[in-house]
Amino acid sequence: MRAYSDDLENPSALWSEAGRRLHMEGGQTSPLLPLDLLLEEPALPELAEPADYDVETGRLNPHEHGSRMRRVYLRRDRISPPASEDHA
């Protein structure tokens, strides 16, 4: 599943769209960054980080769990680009 966040290292709120750059009086905002979530247990658990996702609020690892929580997995080293699986 693709989601978007303003903080890839410690995401807490996720959105369904990246948005876009806005120019405002106080400066400008940047589009959100893409974050991929695995919806099933990973084949290589050491490469993933489990997280609790609140389906209603879009919060990741919220302090208080809502009534619709789901376990998801994030790539452990999500700051660097993923390694290519194409060994051509």
Protein backbone atom coordinates (compact mmCIF):
# COMPACT_ATOMS: atom_id res chain seq x y z
CA MET A 1 0.00 0.00 0.00
CA ARG A 2 1.34 3.45 -0.84
CA ALA A 3 0.85 6.26 1.66
CA TYR A 4 2.47 9.67 2.11
CA SER A 5 4.13 11.28 5.11
CA ASP A 6 6.12 14.37 5.97
CA ASP A 7 8.62 12.27 7.98
CA LEU A 8 9.91 8.98 6.54
CA GLU A 9 12.21 8.23 9.45
CA ASN A 10 9.47 8.48 12.11
CA PRO A 11 6.13 8.61 10.32
CA SER A 12 3.13 9.25 12.55
CA ALA A 13 0.41 10.54 10.21
CA LEU A 14 -0.27 9.09 6.78
CA TRP A 15 -2.21 10.55 3.87
CA SER A 16 -3.55 8.93 0.70
CA GLU A 17 -2.19 11.66 -1.61
CA ALA A 18 1.15 13.45 -1.83
CA GLY A 19 -0.36 16.88 -2.25
CA ARG A 20 1.77 19.53 -3.95
CA ARG A 21 4.02 22.48 -3.27
CA LEU A 22 2.12 25.50 -1.95
CA HIS A 23 3.43 29.06 -1.90
CA MET A 24 2.11 30.88 1.14
CA GLU A 25 2.85 34.19 2.84
CA GLY A 26 5.04 32.50 5.48
CA GLY A 27 6.98 30.41 2.95
CA GLN A 28 6.23 27.34 0.96
CA THR A 29 5.27 23.78 1.74
CA SER A 30 6.62 20.68 0.05
CA PRO A 31 4.71 17.66 -1.23
CA LEU A 32 4.61 14.70 1.13
CA LEU A 33 7.03 11.80 0.67
CA PRO A 34 5.95 8.32 -0.50
CA LEU A 35 5.97 5.52 2.06
CA ASP A 36 5.16 1.92 1.16
CA LEU A 37 3.41 -0.32 3.68
CA LEU A 38 3.37 -4.11 3.50
CA LEU A 39 -0.04 -5.47 4.51
CA GLU A 40 1.09 -9.02 5.29
CA GLU A 41 3.94 -10.54 7.28
CA PRO A 42 7.20 -10.09 5.36
CA ALA A 43 9.16 -13.06 3.99
CA LEU A 44 12.31 -11.51 5.51
CA PRO A 45 11.21 -10.12 8.91
CA GLU A 46 14.64 -8.67 9.63
CA LEU A 47 14.15 -6.19 6.77
CA ALA A 48 10.83 -4.88 8.09
CA GLU A 49 9.54 -2.90 11.05
CA PRO A 50 6.05 -3.71 12.38
CA ALA A 51 3.68 -0.81 12.99
CA ASP A 52 0.07 -0.35 14.06
CA TYR A 53 -2.06 1.62 11.62
CA ASP A 54 -5.33 3.27 12.65
CA VAL A 55 -7.53 2.91 9.58
CA GLU A 56 -9.94 5.65 10.69
CA THR A 57 -7.48 8.41 11.58
CA GLY A 58 -4.50 7.56 9.34
CA ARG A 59 -2.18 7.54 12.38
CA LEU A 60 0.76 5.18 12.59
CA ASN A 61 1.60 3.83 16.06
CA PRO A 62 -0.88 6.13 17.83
CA HIS A 63 -0.68 6.58 21.60
CA GLU A 64 -4.30 5.47 21.92
CA HIS A 65 -5.54 2.63 19.74
CA GLY A 66 -8.79 3.17 17.89
CA SER A 67 -11.43 0.58 17.12
CA ARG A 68 -10.05 -0.14 13.63
CA MET A 69 -6.35 -0.96 13.94
CA ARG A 70 -4.30 -2.98 11.49
CA ARG A 71 -0.75 -4.37 11.70
CA VAL A 72 1.40 -3.19 8.78
CA TYR A 73 5.13 -3.41 8.05
CA LEU A 74 7.54 -0.68 6.98
CA ARG A 75 10.87 -1.21 5.26
CA ARG A 76 13.43 -1.00 8.07
CA ASP A 77 15.93 1.06 6.02
CA ARG A 78 13.30 3.27 4.37
CA ILE A 79 15.45 6.39 4.15
CA SER A 80 17.74 4.93 1.47
CA PRO A 81 16.32 3.76 -1.87
CA PRO A 82 15.37 0.06 -2.07
CA ALA A 83 17.88 -2.32 -3.64
CA SER A 84 17.01 -3.34 -7.17
CA GLU A 85 15.81 -6.90 -7.62
CA ASP A 86 16.83 -6.82 -11.28
CA HIS A 87 20.24 -8.50 -11.55
CA ALA A 88 20.63 -8.09 -15.33
